[in-house]
C-alpha atoms as a PDB file:
ATOM      1  CA  MET A   1       1.566 -18.978  -9.609  1.00  0.00           C
ATOM      2  CA  PRO A   2       2.952 -16.654  -6.901  1.00  0.00           C
ATOM      3  CA  VAL A   3       6.652 -16.753  -6.100  1.00  0.00           C
ATOM      4  CA  THR A   4       5.986 -18.088  -2.615  1.00  0.00           C
ATOM      5  CA  THR A   5       4.381 -21.237  -3.997  1.00  0.00           C
ATOM      6  CA  VAL A   6       7.280 -21.790  -6.397  1.00  0.00           C
ATOM      7  CA  ALA A   7       9.895 -21.377  -3.668  1.00  0.00           C
ATOM      8  CA  SER A   8       8.086 -23.733  -1.324  1.00  0.00           C
ATOM      9  CA  ALA A   9       7.370 -26.358  -3.986  1.00  0.00           C
ATOM     10  CA  GLU A  10      10.973 -26.503  -5.133  1.00  0.00           C
ATOM     11  CA  GLY A  11      12.271 -26.803  -1.605  1.00  0.00           C
ATOM     12  CA  ARG A  12      14.342 -23.621  -1.665  1.00  0.00           C
ATOM     13  CA  ALA A  13      12.721 -22.195   1.458  1.00  0.00           C
ATOM     14  CA  GLU A  14      12.732 -23.797   4.888  1.00  0.00           C
ATOM     15  CA  PRO A  15      10.065 -23.252   7.578  1.00  0.00           C
ATOM     16  CA  VAL A  16      10.985 -20.979  10.488  1.00  0.00           C
ATOM     17  CA  ARG A  17       9.512 -22.337  13.711  1.00  0.00           C
ATOM     18  CA  ASP A  18      11.083 -20.066  16.319  1.00  0.00           C
ATOM     19  CA  LEU A  19      10.453 -16.316  16.103  1.00  0.00           C
ATOM     20  CA  ARG A  20      12.853 -15.580  18.950  1.00  0.00           C
ATOM     21  CA  ASN A  21      15.633 -15.295  16.363  1.00  0.00           C
ATOM     22  CA  LEU A  22      13.694 -12.876  14.162  1.00  0.00           C
ATOM     23  CA  ASP A  23      16.212 -10.082  14.784  1.00  0.00           C
ATOM     24  CA  GLN A  24      18.974 -12.247  13.321  1.00  0.00           C
ATOM     25  CA  LEU A  25      16.786 -13.422  10.435  1.00  0.00           C
ATOM     26  CA  MET A  26      15.728  -9.884   9.505  1.00  0.00           C
ATOM     27  CA  SER A  27      19.007  -7.989   9.519  1.00  0.00           C
ATOM     28  CA  ALA A  28      18.640  -6.001   6.269  1.00  0.00           C
ATOM     29  CA  PRO A  29      18.004  -2.227   6.477  1.00  0.00           C
ATOM     30  CA  GLY A  30      14.818  -2.588   4.426  1.00  0.00           C
ATOM     31  CA  TYR A  31      12.575  -5.089   2.642  1.00  0.00           C
ATOM     32  CA  LYS A  32      10.699  -4.977  -0.649  1.00  0.00           C
ATOM     33  CA  VAL A  33       7.307  -6.560  -0.026  1.00  0.00           C
ATOM     34  CA  LEU A  34       5.337  -8.405  -2.717  1.00  0.00           C
ATOM     35  CA  ARG A  35       1.902  -9.658  -1.741  1.00  0.00           C
ATOM     36  CA  SER A  36      -0.049 -12.113  -3.902  1.00  0.00           C
ATOM     37  CA  ARG A  37      -3.718 -13.020  -3.580  1.00  0.00           C
ATOM     38  CA  PRO A  38      -6.037 -15.358  -5.513  1.00  0.00           C
ATOM     39  CA  LYS A  39      -8.082 -13.719  -8.223  1.00  0.00           C
ATOM     40  CA  VAL A  40     -11.866 -13.735  -8.014  1.00  0.00           C
ATOM     41  CA  PRO A  41     -13.234 -16.084  -9.215  1.00  0.00           C
ATOM     42  CA  THR A  42     -10.510 -18.612  -8.460  1.00  0.00           C
ATOM     43  CA  ALA A  43     -11.629 -21.427 -10.756  1.00  0.00           C
ATOM     44  CA  ASP A  44      -8.426 -21.169 -12.812  1.00  0.00           C
ATOM     45  CA  GLY A  45      -6.226 -20.934  -9.740  1.00  0.00           C
ATOM     46  CA  ALA A  46      -4.852 -17.596 -10.930  1.00  0.00           C
ATOM     47  CA  TRP A  47      -3.270 -15.081  -8.551  1.00  0.00           C
ATOM     48  CA  PHE A  48      -2.538 -11.378  -8.793  1.00  0.00           C
ATOM     49  CA  THR A  49       0.257  -9.446  -7.097  1.00  0.00           C
ATOM     50  CA  ASP A  50      -0.194  -6.066  -5.417  1.00  0.00           C
ATOM     51  CA  GLU A  51       2.099  -3.144  -6.184  1.00  0.00           C
ATOM     52  CA  PRO A  52       5.456  -3.638  -4.413  1.00  0.00           C
ATOM     53  CA  LEU A  53       5.966  -1.795  -1.152  1.00  0.00           C
ATOM     54  CA  THR A  54       9.295  -1.041   0.533  1.00  0.00           C
ATOM     55  CA  LEU A  55       9.361  -1.144   4.345  1.00  0.00           C
ATOM     56  CA  ASN A  56      12.137  -0.438   6.798  1.00  0.00           C
ATOM     57  CA  ARG A  57      13.338  -3.269   9.014  1.00  0.00           C
ATOM     58  CA  ALA A  58      11.095  -2.375  11.964  1.00  0.00           C
ATOM     59  CA  ARG A  59       7.915  -2.198   9.872  1.00  0.00           C
ATOM     60  CA  ALA A  60       8.778  -5.418   8.035  1.00  0.00           C
ATOM     61  CA  ARG A  61       9.309  -7.182  11.347  1.00  0.00           C
ATOM     62  CA  ARG A  62       5.939  -5.954  12.629  1.00  0.00           C
ATOM     63  CA  LEU A  63       4.330  -7.338   9.482  1.00  0.00           C
ATOM     64  CA  VAL A  64       5.873 -10.768  10.044  1.00  0.00           C
ATOM     65  CA  GLU A  65       4.999 -10.840  13.743  1.00  0.00           C
ATOM     66  CA  ALA A  66       1.406  -9.782  13.040  1.00  0.00           C
ATOM     67  CA  TRP A  67       0.813 -12.592  10.545  1.00  0.00           C
ATOM     68  CA  VAL A  68       2.897 -15.452  11.908  1.00  0.00           C
ATOM     69  CA  GLY A  69       1.690 -15.119  15.500  1.00  0.00           C
ATOM     70  CA  PRO A  70      -1.977 -14.086  15.634  1.00  0.00           C
ATOM     71  CA  MET A  71      -2.798 -15.107  12.052  1.00  0.00           C
ATOM     72  CA  ASP A  72      -1.114 -18.535  12.168  1.00  0.00           C
ATOM     73  CA  ALA A  73       0.725 -17.931   8.903  1.00  0.00           C
ATOM     74  CA  LEU A  74       3.668 -20.090   7.836  1.00  0.00           C
ATOM     75  CA  LEU A  75       7.050 -18.344   7.753  1.00  0.00           C
ATOM     76  CA  LEU A  76       9.638 -19.619   5.260  1.00  0.00           C
ATOM     77  CA  ARG A  77      13.239 -18.530   4.730  1.00  0.00           C
ATOM     78  CA  ALA A  78      15.232 -19.020   1.526  1.00  0.00           C
ATOM     79  CA  PRO A  79      19.055 -19.326   1.306  1.00  0.00           C
ATOM     80  CA  ASP A  80      19.240 -15.773  -0.113  1.00  0.00           C
ATOM     81  CA  ASP A  81      17.504 -14.496   3.079  1.00  0.00           C
ATOM     82  CA  ARG A  82      14.200 -13.857   1.356  1.00  0.00           C
ATOM     83  CA  LEU A  83      11.268 -14.482   3.679  1.00  0.00           C
ATOM     84  CA  TYR A  84       7.840 -15.820   2.748  1.00  0.00           C
ATOM     85  CA  VAL A  85       4.708 -15.408   4.872  1.00  0.00           C
ATOM     86  CA  VAL A  86       2.095 -17.850   3.605  1.00  0.00           C
ATOM     87  CA  THR A  87      -1.594 -18.418   4.326  1.00  0.00           C
ATOM     88  CA  ASP A  88      -4.298 -20.000   2.183  1.00  0.00           C
ATOM     89  CA  ARG A  89      -5.403 -16.576   0.956  1.00  0.00           C
ATOM     90  CA  VAL A  90      -2.321 -14.342   1.035  1.00  0.00           C
ATOM     91  CA  HIS A  91       1.300 -15.054   0.070  1.00  0.00           C
ATOM     92  CA  THR A  92       3.829 -12.347   0.993  1.00  0.00           C
ATOM     93  CA  GLU A  93       7.465 -12.247  -0.117  1.00  0.00           C
ATOM     94  CA  LEU A  94       9.982 -10.019   1.699  1.00  0.00           C
ATOM     95  CA  ILE A  95      13.125  -9.302  -0.313  1.00  0.00           C
ATOM     96  CA  PRO A  96      16.092  -7.763   1.587  1.00  0.00           C
ATOM     97  CA  THR A  97      17.316  -4.399   0.306  1.00  0.00           C
ATOM     98  CA  ALA A  98      20.493  -2.507   1.154  1.00  0.00           C
ATOM     99  CA  ILE A  99      18.793   0.885   1.419  1.00  0.00           C
ATOM    100  CA  GLU A 100      16.538   1.762   4.326  1.00  0.00           C
ATOM    101  CA  PRO A 101      13.449   3.680   3.177  1.00  0.00           C
ATOM    102  CA  PRO A 102      12.741   7.031   4.845  1.00  0.00           C
ATOM    103  CA  PRO A 103      10.462   7.053   7.902  1.00  0.00           C
ATOM    104  CA  THR A 104       6.756   7.484   7.259  1.00  0.00           C
ATOM    105  CA  GLU A 105       4.205   9.702   8.941  1.00  0.00           C
ATOM    106  CA  GLY A 106       2.931   6.604  10.714  1.00  0.00           C
ATOM    107  CA  ASP A 107       6.380   5.729  12.036  1.00  0.00           C
ATOM    108  CA  VAL A 108       6.577   9.107  13.803  1.00  0.00           C
ATOM    109  CA  LEU A 109       3.090   8.782  15.268  1.00  0.00           C
ATOM    110  CA  CYS A 110       3.717   5.180  16.365  1.00  0.00           C
ATOM    111  CA  ALA A 111       6.758   6.348  18.323  1.00  0.00           C
ATOM    112  CA  ALA A 112       4.658   9.013  20.046  1.00  0.00           C
ATOM    113  CA  LEU A 113       1.922   6.495  20.890  1.00  0.00           C
ATOM    114  CA  HIS A 114       4.442   3.976  22.206  1.00  0.00           C
ATOM    115  CA  ALA A 115       5.633   6.637  24.685  1.00  0.00           C
ATOM    116  CA  TYR A 116       2.222   6.160  26.342  1.00  0.00           C
ATOM    117  CA  SER A 117       2.492   2.344  26.023  1.00  0.00           C
ATOM    118  CA  LEU A 118      -0.213   2.385  23.364  1.00  0.00           C
ATOM    119  CA  PRO A 119       0.048  -0.186  20.559  1.00  0.00           C
ATOM    120  CA  ALA A 120      -0.689   0.980  17.014  1.00  0.00           C
ATOM    121  CA  TYR A 121      -1.514  -1.367  14.139  1.00  0.00           C
ATOM    122  CA  GLU A 122      -1.181  -0.324  10.512  1.00  0.00           C
ATOM    123  CA  ASP A 123      -4.164  -1.138   8.331  1.00  0.00           C
ATOM    124  CA  GLY A 124      -5.849  -0.004   5.160  1.00  0.00           C
ATOM    125  CA  GLU A 125      -8.458  -0.656   2.547  1.00  0.00           C
ATOM    126  CA  SER A 126      -8.975   0.512  -1.055  1.00  0.00           C
ATOM    127  CA  GLY A 127      -5.991   2.854  -0.908  1.00  0.00           C
ATOM    128  CA  VAL A 128      -6.946   4.419   2.434  1.00  0.00           C
ATOM    129  CA  THR A 129      -4.456   3.730   5.244  1.00  0.00           C
ATOM    130  CA  TRP A 130      -4.748   4.337   8.971  1.00  0.00           C
ATOM    131  CA  LEU A 131      -3.423   3.331  12.377  1.00  0.00           C
ATOM    132  CA  ALA A 132      -5.750   1.344  14.632  1.00  0.00           C
ATOM    133  CA  VAL A 133      -5.235   1.896  18.370  1.00  0.00           C
ATOM    134  CA  PRO A 134      -7.301  -0.294  20.731  1.00  0.00           C
ATOM    135  CA  GLN A 135      -8.793   1.311  23.815  1.00  0.00           C
ATOM    136  CA  ASP A 136      -7.506  -1.680  25.790  1.00  0.00           C
ATOM    137  CA  SER A 137      -3.747  -1.740  25.258  1.00  0.00           C
ATOM    138  CA  ALA A 138      -3.673  -5.506  25.914  1.00  0.00           C
ATOM    139  CA  THR A 139      -5.711  -6.138  22.747  1.00  0.00           C
ATOM    140  CA  THR A 140      -3.864  -7.998  20.003  1.00  0.00           C
ATOM    141  CA  GLU A 141      -3.853  -6.888  16.364  1.00  0.00           C
ATOM    142  CA  ARG A 142      -6.147  -9.790  15.522  1.00  0.00           C
ATOM    143  CA  ASP A 143      -8.856  -8.456  17.858  1.00  0.00           C
ATOM    144  CA  VAL A 144      -8.320  -4.713  17.484  1.00  0.00           C
ATOM    145  CA  TYR A 145     -11.705  -4.175  15.784  1.00  0.00           C
ATOM    146  CA  LYS A 146     -13.619  -6.345  18.245  1.00  0.00           C
ATOM    147  CA  GLY A 147     -13.576  -3.645  20.904  1.00  0.00           C
ATOM    148  CA  PRO A 148     -13.548   0.163  21.139  1.00  0.00           C
ATOM    149  CA  HIS A 149     -10.660   1.558  19.126  1.00  0.00           C
ATOM    150  CA  PHE A 150      -9.272   4.676  17.476  1.00  0.00           C
ATOM    151  CA  ARG A 151      -8.502   5.021  13.795  1.00  0.00           C
ATOM    152  CA  ILE A 152      -5.939   7.687  13.050  1.00  0.00           C
ATOM    153  CA  SER A 153      -4.954   9.109   9.689  1.00  0.00           C
ATOM    154  CA  CYS A 154      -3.790  12.282   7.984  1.00  0.00           C
ATOM    155  CA  GLY A 155      -6.470  12.741   5.352  1.00  0.00           C
ATOM    156  CA  GLU A 156      -6.551   9.182   4.040  1.00  0.00           C
ATOM    157  CA  HIS A 157      -2.945   8.239   4.741  1.00  0.00           C
ATOM    158  CA  THR A 158      -0.421   7.109   7.347  1.00  0.00           C
ATOM    159  CA  ASP A 159       2.176   5.465   5.117  1.00  0.00           C
ATOM    160  CA  ARG A 160       3.565   8.418   3.158  1.00  0.00           C
ATOM    161  CA  VAL A 161       7.115   9.570   3.786  1.00  0.00           C
ATOM    162  CA  ALA A 162       7.347  11.861   6.811  1.00  0.00           C
ATOM    163  CA  SER A 163       8.160  14.899   4.653  1.00  0.00           C
ATOM    164  CA  ALA A 164       4.758  14.561   2.918  1.00  0.00           C
ATOM    165  CA  HIS A 165       2.834  15.253   6.133  1.00  0.00           C
ATOM    166  CA  ASP A 166       0.636  18.201   5.145  1.00  0.00           C
ATOM    167  CA  ASP A 167      -2.355  18.077   7.471  1.00  0.00           C
ATOM    168  CA  ALA A 168      -3.162  17.365  11.105  1.00  0.00           C
ATOM    169  CA  TRP A 169      -3.709  13.846  12.384  1.00  0.00           C
ATOM    170  CA  GLY A 170      -7.365  12.957  12.843  1.00  0.00           C
ATOM    171  CA  ALA A 171      -8.163  10.469  15.628  1.00  0.00           C
ATOM    172  CA  SER A 172     -11.687   9.035  15.607  1.00  0.00           C
ATOM    173  CA  LEU A 173     -13.136   6.648  18.173  1.00  0.00           C
ATOM    174  CA  TYR A 174     -15.258   3.671  17.104  1.00  0.00           C
ATOM    175  CA  ASN A 175     -17.175   1.247  19.284  1.00  0.00           C
ATOM    176  CA  ALA A 176     -16.993  -2.549  19.235  1.00  0.00           C
ATOM    177  CA  ASP A 177     -19.625  -2.653  16.463  1.00  0.00           C
ATOM    178  CA  GLY A 178     -17.499  -0.466  14.192  1.00  0.00           C
ATOM    179  CA  GLU A 179     -19.804   2.537  14.640  1.00  0.00           C
ATOM    180  CA  TYR A 180     -18.326   6.034  14.703  1.00  0.00           C
ATOM    181  CA  VAL A 181     -18.443   7.701  18.149  1.00  0.00           C
ATOM    182  CA  GLU A 182     -16.406  10.909  18.071  1.00  0.00           C
ATOM    183  CA  THR A 183     -13.346  12.677  16.707  1.00  0.00           C
ATOM    184  CA  LEU A 184     -10.782  14.223  19.034  1.00  0.00           C
ATOM    185  CA  ASP A 185      -9.626  17.801  18.597  1.00  0.00           C
ATOM    186  CA  ALA A 186      -6.746  18.195  16.171  1.00  0.00           C
ATOM    187  CA  SER A 187      -3.445  19.919  16.882  1.00  0.00           C
ATOM    188  CA  PRO A 188      -3.115  23.690  16.258  1.00  0.00           C
ATOM    189  CA  LEU A 189      -2.555  24.919  12.719  1.00  0.00           C
ATOM    190  CA  GLY A 190       1.082  25.106  11.733  1.00  0.00           C
ATOM    191  CA  SER A 191       2.203  22.243  13.976  1.00  0.00           C
ATOM    192  CA  THR A 192       5.172  20.220  12.776  1.00  0.00           C
ATOM    193  CA  LEU A 193       4.862  16.464  12.313  1.00  0.00           C
ATOM    194  CA  ALA A 194       6.568  15.893  15.681  1.00  0.00           C
ATOM    195  CA  GLU A 195       4.288  18.379  17.438  1.00  0.00           C
ATOM    196  CA  ASP A 196       1.218  17.005  15.694  1.00  0.00           C
ATOM    197  CA  SER A 197       2.112  13.420  16.592  1.00  0.00           C
ATOM    198  CA  ALA A 198       2.793  14.330  20.225  1.00  0.00           C
ATOM    199  CA  HIS A 199      -0.553  16.161  20.450  1.00  0.00           C
ATOM    200  CA  CYS A 200      -2.471  13.273  18.876  1.00  0.00           C
ATOM    201  CA  ALA A 201      -0.831  10.623  21.065  1.00  0.00           C
ATOM    202  CA  ARG A 202      -1.485  12.632  24.215  1.00  0.00           C
ATOM    203  CA  ALA A 203      -5.132  13.235  23.231  1.00  0.00           C
ATOM    204  CA  VAL A 204      -5.719   9.518  22.626  1.00  0.00           C
ATOM    205  CA  ALA A 205      -3.999   8.573  25.889  1.00  0.00           C
ATOM    206  CA  ASP A 206      -6.026  11.144  27.841  1.00  0.00           C
ATOM    207  CA  ARG A 207      -9.282   9.957  26.232  1.00  0.00           C
ATOM    208  CA  ILE A 208      -8.517   6.345  27.127  1.00  0.00           C
ATOM    209  CA  THR A 209      -7.699   7.182  30.741  1.00  0.00           C
ATOM    210  CA  GLY A 210     -10.762   9.401  31.093  1.00  0.00           C
ATOM    211  CA  ARG A 211      -8.840  12.654  31.436  1.00  0.00           C
ATOM    212  CA  LEU A 212     -10.307  14.022  28.218  1.00  0.00           C
ATOM    213  CA  PRO A 213     -14.084  14.578  27.938  1.00  0.00           C
ATOM    214  CA  CYS A 214     -16.065  13.714  24.822  1.00  0.00           C
ATOM    215  CA  THR A 215     -15.745  16.490  22.211  1.00  0.00           C
ATOM    216  CA  THR A 216     -17.645  15.127  19.243  1.00  0.00           C
ATOM    217  CA  ARG A 217     -17.030  17.154  16.098  1.00  0.00           C
ATOM    218  CA  GLY A 218     -19.263  15.245  13.724  1.00  0.00           C
ATOM    219  CA  GLU A 219     -18.545  12.523  11.201  1.00  0.00           C
ATOM    220  CA  ALA A 220     -16.747  14.603   8.578  1.00  0.00           C
ATOM    221  CA  GLY A 221     -13.343  13.185   9.443  1.00  0.00           C
ATOM    222  CA  ALA A 222     -14.445   9.648  10.218  1.00  0.00           C
ATOM    223  CA  LEU A 223     -12.981   6.762   8.251  1.00  0.00           C
ATOM    224  CA  PRO A 224     -15.252   4.178   6.630  1.00  0.00           C
ATOM    225  CA  ALA A 225     -16.636   1.422   8.837  1.00  0.00           C
ATOM    226  CA  ARG A 226     -14.321  -1.584   9.059  1.00  0.00           C
ATOM    227  CA  PRO A 227     -15.607  -5.101   9.771  1.00  0.00           C
ATOM    228  CA  PRO A 228     -13.820  -7.278  12.330  1.00  0.00           C
ATOM    229  CA  ARG A 229     -10.538  -8.697  11.022  1.00  0.00           C
ATOM    230  CA  GLU A 230     -10.968 -12.207   9.659  1.00  0.00           C
ATOM    231  CA  THR A 231      -8.574 -15.028  10.345  1.00  0.00           C
ATOM    232  CA  PRO A 232      -6.963 -16.233   7.098  1.00  0.00           C
END
């Protein structure tokens, strides 16, 4: 049985109803994240737990906000400040840590995208991670794949430490049906992570506003098709 179920059943964690105090609730520099899911088949009620992941405070907060708001997950808080995000299909435990993990490649790119008021949502599948950027900046994370959107990665990653950035960001546009449309031109060879992120963010912003014409380069750098996000 996952730790979230144990904590809830024994009454050690209390529901958090008001997210306006999330800054005070999540005051640790970083959080170790444990995510449990039911095994398939689920006849025995067994669960398995993913490999632990350590996130800085900002990324951990985005995780909580993404699930508790749009996904209608239940947020619980234990006396030791552990947080639990619970749905019928995913139980996530966030354990406070005293050490803030180093920034990731995605953190740097998110900052560059936010300079253009563009939201960026972290996502992944089967070990491949990317940032999803909706063409309509008002789109919520829950609906990001229901409309035209960009998927951005460096090779197959966005969540490595910033120092591991060894290739240019690739930004590919997909339509509302999840079909690949085009890939934007990458930054010049030899660009630093900051330069690469600034180039990518500007290219995406210009494409969205119509200042950048279509420059399809083929499907070599396209990420696999992703179905619309399901509600837990």
